[in-house]
Amino acid sequence: MGQPLLLSRIVVTWVEVIAVGFAGAALGGMASGPPQLIVYLATVLASVGALLYNVDRLIQQRMAERR
């Protein structure tokens, strides 16, 4: 059961990171100067947050299977 769970979590993570990237690119394209830097940093933070959230969910599910 571990492999399908891992594959689905990878797909979900990939979709979330791509969506955040496109949203950040769209918002960053509309801004210029310091606001553009803030949008860039927020996009990076959101991407890392999505990645860490999904890794945490995967670890929690694996730990629950072991109990």
PDB file of N, CA and C in Angstrom:
ATOM      1  N   MET A   1       0.828  -1.202   0.000  1.00  0.00           N
ATOM      2  CA  MET A   1       0.000   0.000   0.000  1.00  0.00           C
ATOM      3  C   MET A   1       0.865   1.256   0.000  1.00  0.00           C
ATOM      4  N   GLY A   2       2.110   1.158   0.369  1.00  0.00           N
ATOM      5  CA  GLY A   2       2.982   2.311   0.464  1.00  0.00           C
ATOM      6  C   GLY A   2       3.250   2.980  -0.869  1.00  0.00           C
ATOM      7  N   GLN A   3       3.406   2.200  -1.939  1.00  0.00           N
ATOM      8  CA  GLN A   3       3.763   2.769  -3.242  1.00  0.00           C
ATOM      9  C   GLN A   3       2.659   3.656  -3.825  1.00  0.00           C
ATOM     10  N   PRO A   4       1.382   3.239  -3.868  1.00  0.00           N
ATOM     11  CA  PRO A   4       0.338   4.141  -4.385  1.00  0.00           C
ATOM     12  C   PRO A   4       0.209   5.416  -3.547  1.00  0.00           C
ATOM     13  N   LEU A   5       0.391   5.295  -2.232  1.00  0.00           N
ATOM     14  CA  LEU A   5       0.315   6.464  -1.361  1.00  0.00           C
ATOM     15  C   LEU A   5       1.437   7.441  -1.707  1.00  0.00           C
ATOM     16  N   LEU A   6       2.625   6.928  -1.911  1.00  0.00           N
ATOM     17  CA  LEU A   6       3.756   7.769  -2.261  1.00  0.00           C
ATOM     18  C   LEU A   6       3.539   8.433  -3.619  1.00  0.00           C
ATOM     19  N   LEU A   7       3.075   7.673  -4.593  1.00  0.00           N
ATOM     20  CA  LEU A   7       2.849   8.214  -5.929  1.00  0.00           C
ATOM     21  C   LEU A   7       1.793   9.322  -5.911  1.00  0.00           C
ATOM     22  N   SER A   8       0.697   9.097  -5.196  1.00  0.00           N
ATOM     23  CA  SER A   8      -0.348  10.120  -5.144  1.00  0.00           C
ATOM     24  C   SER A   8       0.134  11.367  -4.416  1.00  0.00           C
ATOM     25  N   ARG A   9       0.933  11.185  -3.384  1.00  0.00           N
ATOM     26  CA  ARG A   9       1.457  12.333  -2.642  1.00  0.00           C
ATOM     27  C   ARG A   9       2.442  13.128  -3.514  1.00  0.00           C
ATOM     28  N   ILE A  10       3.221  12.428  -4.338  1.00  0.00           N
ATOM     29  CA  ILE A  10       4.141  13.102  -5.253  1.00  0.00           C
ATOM     30  C   ILE A  10       3.355  13.933  -6.267  1.00  0.00           C
ATOM     31  N   VAL A  11       2.289  13.363  -6.801  1.00  0.00           N
ATOM     32  CA  VAL A  11       1.471  14.083  -7.789  1.00  0.00           C
ATOM     33  C   VAL A  11       0.815  15.298  -7.151  1.00  0.00           C
ATOM     34  N   VAL A  12       0.270  15.143  -5.958  1.00  0.00           N
ATOM     35  CA  VAL A  12      -0.375  16.264  -5.266  1.00  0.00           C
ATOM     36  C   VAL A  12       0.643  17.366  -4.994  1.00  0.00           C
ATOM     37  N   THR A  13       1.823  16.995  -4.534  1.00  0.00           N
ATOM     38  CA  THR A  13       2.867  17.977  -4.257  1.00  0.00           C
ATOM     39  C   THR A  13       3.270  18.706  -5.529  1.00  0.00           C
ATOM     40  N   TRP A  14       3.447  17.973  -6.609  1.00  0.00           N
ATOM     41  CA  TRP A  14       3.844  18.566  -7.880  1.00  0.00           C
ATOM     42  C   TRP A  14       2.791  19.567  -8.350  1.00  0.00           C
ATOM     43  N   VAL A  15       1.513  19.201  -8.277  1.00  0.00           N
ATOM     44  CA  VAL A  15       0.429  20.094  -8.711  1.00  0.00           C
ATOM     45  C   VAL A  15       0.397  21.350  -7.843  1.00  0.00           C
ATOM     46  N   GLU A  16       0.554  21.195  -6.529  1.00  0.00           N
ATOM     47  CA  GLU A  16       0.523  22.354  -5.643  1.00  0.00           C
ATOM     48  C   GLU A  16       1.685  23.303  -5.918  1.00  0.00           C
ATOM     49  N   VAL A  17       2.882  22.759  -6.085  1.00  0.00           N
ATOM     50  CA  VAL A  17       4.057  23.599  -6.328  1.00  0.00           C
ATOM     51  C   VAL A  17       3.941  24.314  -7.676  1.00  0.00           C
ATOM     52  N   ILE A  18       3.445  23.619  -8.694  1.00  0.00           N
ATOM     53  CA  ILE A  18       3.259  24.248 -10.004  1.00  0.00           C
ATOM     54  C   ILE A  18       2.200  25.354  -9.926  1.00  0.00           C
ATOM     55  N   ALA A  19       1.105  25.097  -9.226  1.00  0.00           N
ATOM     56  CA  ALA A  19       0.051  26.117  -9.091  1.00  0.00           C
ATOM     57  C   ALA A  19       0.570  27.349  -8.358  1.00  0.00           C
ATOM     58  N   VAL A  20       1.321  27.136  -7.291  1.00  0.00           N
ATOM     59  CA  VAL A  20       1.892  28.265  -6.551  1.00  0.00           C
ATOM     60  C   VAL A  20       2.871  29.025  -7.440  1.00  0.00           C
ATOM     61  N   GLY A  21       3.663  28.308  -8.223  1.00  0.00           N
ATOM     62  CA  GLY A  21       4.624  28.954  -9.118  1.00  0.00           C
ATOM     63  C   GLY A  21       3.943  29.810 -10.171  1.00  0.00           C
ATOM     64  N   PHE A  22       2.891  29.284 -10.786  1.00  0.00           N
ATOM     65  CA  PHE A  22       2.170  30.065 -11.795  1.00  0.00           C
ATOM     66  C   PHE A  22       1.495  31.286 -11.180  1.00  0.00           C
ATOM     67  N   ALA A  23       0.904  31.113 -10.003  1.00  0.00           N
ATOM     68  CA  ALA A  23       0.270  32.250  -9.333  1.00  0.00           C
ATOM     69  C   ALA A  23       1.308  33.311  -8.972  1.00  0.00           C
ATOM     70  N   GLY A  24       2.457  32.871  -8.475  1.00  0.00           N
ATOM     71  CA  GLY A  24       3.520  33.815  -8.141  1.00  0.00           C
ATOM     72  C   GLY A  24       4.054  34.522  -9.363  1.00  0.00           C
ATOM     73  N   ALA A  25       4.187  33.797 -10.467  1.00  0.00           N
ATOM     74  CA  ALA A  25       4.666  34.416 -11.702  1.00  0.00           C
ATOM     75  C   ALA A  25       3.664  35.450 -12.214  1.00  0.00           C
ATOM     76  N   ALA A  26       2.382  35.144 -12.123  1.00  0.00           N
ATOM     77  CA  ALA A  26       1.358  36.084 -12.571  1.00  0.00           C
ATOM     78  C   ALA A  26       1.347  37.338 -11.700  1.00  0.00           C
ATOM     79  N   LEU A  27       1.400  37.136 -10.391  1.00  0.00           N
ATOM     80  CA  LEU A  27       1.404  38.291  -9.493  1.00  0.00           C
ATOM     81  C   LEU A  27       2.701  39.078  -9.595  1.00  0.00           C
ATOM     82  N   GLY A  28       3.820  38.380  -9.730  1.00  0.00           N
ATOM     83  CA  GLY A  28       5.105  39.048  -9.869  1.00  0.00           C
ATOM     84  C   GLY A  28       5.211  39.823 -11.164  1.00  0.00           C
ATOM     85  N   GLY A  29       4.557  39.342 -12.204  1.00  0.00           N
ATOM     86  CA  GLY A  29       4.562  40.042 -13.484  1.00  0.00           C
ATOM     87  C   GLY A  29       3.797  41.347 -13.443  1.00  0.00           C
ATOM     88  N   MET A  30       2.807  41.417 -12.570  1.00  0.00           N
ATOM     89  CA  MET A  30       2.018  42.644 -12.448  1.00  0.00           C
ATOM     90  C   MET A  30       2.705  43.672 -11.559  1.00  0.00           C
ATOM     91  N   ALA A  31       3.632  43.227 -10.725  1.00  0.00           N
ATOM     92  CA  ALA A  31       4.302  44.140  -9.798  1.00  0.00           C
ATOM     93  C   ALA A  31       5.693  44.480 -10.333  1.00  0.00           C
ATOM     94  N   SER A  32       6.279  45.504  -9.769  1.00  0.00           N
ATOM     95  CA  SER A  32       7.658  45.847 -10.118  1.00  0.00           C
ATOM     96  C   SER A  32       8.326  46.449  -8.897  1.00  0.00           C
ATOM     97  N   GLY A  33       9.629  46.333  -8.851  1.00  0.00           N
ATOM     98  CA  GLY A  33      10.380  46.888  -7.728  1.00  0.00           C
ATOM     99  C   GLY A  33      10.263  46.013  -6.488  1.00  0.00           C
ATOM    100  N   PRO A  34      10.240  46.650  -5.321  1.00  0.00           N
ATOM    101  CA  PRO A  34      10.182  45.893  -4.067  1.00  0.00           C
ATOM    102  C   PRO A  34       8.960  44.966  -3.939  1.00  0.00           C
ATOM    103  N   PRO A  35       7.769  45.370  -4.408  1.00  0.00           N
ATOM    104  CA  PRO A  35       6.646  44.422  -4.328  1.00  0.00           C
ATOM    105  C   PRO A  35       6.895  43.130  -5.109  1.00  0.00           C
ATOM    106  N   GLN A  36       7.625  43.219  -6.205  1.00  0.00           N
ATOM    107  CA  GLN A  36       7.933  42.019  -6.985  1.00  0.00           C
ATOM    108  C   GLN A  36       8.822  41.077  -6.176  1.00  0.00           C
ATOM    109  N   LEU A  37       9.763  41.621  -5.433  1.00  0.00           N
ATOM    110  CA  LEU A  37      10.623  40.805  -4.574  1.00  0.00           C
ATOM    111  C   LEU A  37       9.807  40.145  -3.476  1.00  0.00           C
ATOM    112  N   ILE A  38       8.866  40.868  -2.914  1.00  0.00           N
ATOM    113  CA  ILE A  38       8.014  40.307  -1.861  1.00  0.00           C
ATOM    114  C   ILE A  38       7.167  39.171  -2.422  1.00  0.00           C
ATOM    115  N   VAL A  39       6.628  39.352  -3.630  1.00  0.00           N
ATOM    116  CA  VAL A  39       5.842  38.287  -4.267  1.00  0.00           C
ATOM    117  C   VAL A  39       6.728  37.074  -4.526  1.00  0.00           C
ATOM    118  N   TYR A  40       7.949  37.310  -4.982  1.00  0.00           N
ATOM    119  CA  TYR A  40       8.892  36.203  -5.226  1.00  0.00           C
ATOM    120  C   TYR A  40       9.170  35.442  -3.932  1.00  0.00           C
ATOM    121  N   LEU A  41       9.468  36.161  -2.865  1.00  0.00           N
ATOM    122  CA  LEU A  41       9.752  35.503  -1.585  1.00  0.00           C
ATOM    123  C   LEU A  41       8.533  34.761  -1.045  1.00  0.00           C
ATOM    124  N   ALA A  42       7.355  35.344  -1.213  1.00  0.00           N
ATOM    125  CA  ALA A  42       6.126  34.667  -0.770  1.00  0.00           C
ATOM    126  C   ALA A  42       5.879  33.408  -1.594  1.00  0.00           C
ATOM    127  N   THR A  43       6.189  33.451  -2.881  1.00  0.00           N
ATOM    128  CA  THR A  43       6.028  32.278  -3.745  1.00  0.00           C
ATOM    129  C   THR A  43       6.972  31.160  -3.318  1.00  0.00           C
ATOM    130  N   VAL A  44       8.205  31.514  -3.032  1.00  0.00           N
ATOM    131  CA  VAL A  44       9.165  30.508  -2.558  1.00  0.00           C
ATOM    132  C   VAL A  44       8.712  29.924  -1.226  1.00  0.00           C
ATOM    133  N   LEU A  45       8.270  30.775  -0.330  1.00  0.00           N
ATOM    134  CA  LEU A  45       7.794  30.312   0.978  1.00  0.00           C
ATOM    135  C   LEU A  45       6.588  29.384   0.830  1.00  0.00           C
ATOM    136  N   ALA A  46       5.659  29.738  -0.029  1.00  0.00           N
ATOM    137  CA  ALA A  46       4.477  28.896  -0.246  1.00  0.00           C
ATOM    138  C   ALA A  46       4.860  27.564  -0.889  1.00  0.00           C
ATOM    139  N   SER A  47       5.806  27.566  -1.804  1.00  0.00           N
ATOM    140  CA  SER A  47       6.254  26.323  -2.441  1.00  0.00           C
ATOM    141  C   SER A  47       6.917  25.393  -1.426  1.00  0.00           C
ATOM    142  N   VAL A  48       7.791  25.960  -0.610  1.00  0.00           N
ATOM    143  CA  VAL A  48       8.446  25.155   0.423  1.00  0.00           C
ATOM    144  C   VAL A  48       7.417  24.664   1.436  1.00  0.00           C
ATOM    145  N   GLY A  49       6.457  25.511   1.771  1.00  0.00           N
ATOM    146  CA  GLY A  49       5.399  25.099   2.694  1.00  0.00           C
ATOM    147  C   GLY A  49       4.577  23.941   2.150  1.00  0.00           C
ATOM    148  N   ALA A  50       4.244  23.995   0.867  1.00  0.00           N
ATOM    149  CA  ALA A  50       3.485  22.902   0.249  1.00  0.00           C
ATOM    150  C   ALA A  50       4.303  21.616   0.251  1.00  0.00           C
ATOM    151  N   LEU A  51       5.576  21.729  -0.051  1.00  0.00           N
ATOM    152  CA  LEU A  51       6.446  20.556  -0.051  1.00  0.00           C
ATOM    153  C   LEU A  51       6.553  19.951   1.346  1.00  0.00           C
ATOM    154  N   LEU A  52       6.828  20.768   2.339  1.00  0.00           N
ATOM    155  CA  LEU A  52       6.971  20.253   3.703  1.00  0.00           C
ATOM    156  C   LEU A  52       5.654  19.705   4.250  1.00  0.00           C
ATOM    157  N   TYR A  53       4.542  20.340   3.918  1.00  0.00           N
ATOM    158  CA  TYR A  53       3.240  19.844   4.355  1.00  0.00           C
ATOM    159  C   TYR A  53       2.995  18.432   3.819  1.00  0.00           C
ATOM    160  N   ASN A  54       3.284  18.231   2.540  1.00  0.00           N
ATOM    161  CA  ASN A  54       3.030  16.922   1.947  1.00  0.00           C
ATOM    162  C   ASN A  54       3.997  15.859   2.461  1.00  0.00           C
ATOM    163  N   VAL A  55       5.234  16.232   2.725  1.00  0.00           N
ATOM    164  CA  VAL A  55       6.177  15.282   3.325  1.00  0.00           C
ATOM    165  C   VAL A  55       5.696  14.901   4.722  1.00  0.00           C
ATOM    166  N   ASP A  56       5.239  15.891   5.484  1.00  0.00           N
ATOM    167  CA  ASP A  56       4.721  15.614   6.831  1.00  0.00           C
ATOM    168  C   ASP A  56       3.518  14.693   6.783  1.00  0.00           C
ATOM    169  N   ARG A  57       2.607  14.927   5.844  1.00  0.00           N
ATOM    170  CA  ARG A  57       1.423  14.050   5.720  1.00  0.00           C
ATOM    171  C   ARG A  57       1.837  12.619   5.394  1.00  0.00           C
ATOM    172  N   LEU A  58       2.810  12.470   4.509  1.00  0.00           N
ATOM    173  CA  LEU A  58       3.288  11.145   4.138  1.00  0.00           C
ATOM    174  C   LEU A  58       3.913  10.443   5.339  1.00  0.00           C
ATOM    175  N   ILE A  59       4.713  11.153   6.107  1.00  0.00           N
ATOM    176  CA  ILE A  59       5.338  10.565   7.293  1.00  0.00           C
ATOM    177  C   ILE A  59       4.280  10.179   8.321  1.00  0.00           C
ATOM    178  N   GLN A  60       3.299  11.039   8.547  1.00  0.00           N
ATOM    179  CA  GLN A  60       2.234  10.725   9.500  1.00  0.00           C
ATOM    180  C   GLN A  60       1.461   9.477   9.083  1.00  0.00           C
ATOM    181  N   GLN A  61       1.158   9.349   7.798  1.00  0.00           N
ATOM    182  CA  GLN A  61       0.425   8.183   7.332  1.00  0.00           C
ATOM    183  C   GLN A  61       1.251   6.915   7.468  1.00  0.00           C
ATOM    184  N   ARG A  62       2.536   6.995   7.193  1.00  0.00           N
ATOM    185  CA  ARG A  62       3.414   5.828   7.340  1.00  0.00           C
ATOM    186  C   ARG A  62       3.540   5.424   8.804  1.00  0.00           C
ATOM    187  N   MET A  63       3.644   6.411   9.694  1.00  0.00           N
ATOM    188  CA  MET A  63       3.741   6.104  11.122  1.00  0.00           C
ATOM    189  C   MET A  63       2.437   5.470  11.615  1.00  0.00           C
ATOM    190  N   ALA A  64       1.300   5.930  11.118  1.00  0.00           N
ATOM    191  CA  ALA A  64       0.012   5.358  11.520  1.00  0.00           C
ATOM    192  C   ALA A  64      -0.119   3.917  11.036  1.00  0.00           C
ATOM    193  N   GLU A  65       0.463   3.598   9.880  1.00  0.00           N
ATOM    194  CA  GLU A  65       0.411   2.223   9.365  1.00  0.00           C
ATOM    195  C   GLU A  65       1.239   1.273  10.224  1.00  0.00           C
ATOM    196  N   ARG A  66       2.284   1.778  10.838  1.00  0.00           N
ATOM    197  CA  ARG A  66       3.162   0.934  11.653  1.00  0.00           C
ATOM    198  C   ARG A  66       2.549   0.609  13.004  1.00  0.00           C
ATOM    199  N   ARG A  67       1.618   1.403  13.470  1.00  0.00           N
ATOM    200  CA  ARG A  67       1.012   1.170  14.800  1.00  0.00           C
ATOM    201  C   ARG A  67       0.064   0.033  14.777  1.00  0.00           C
TER     202      ARG A  67
END
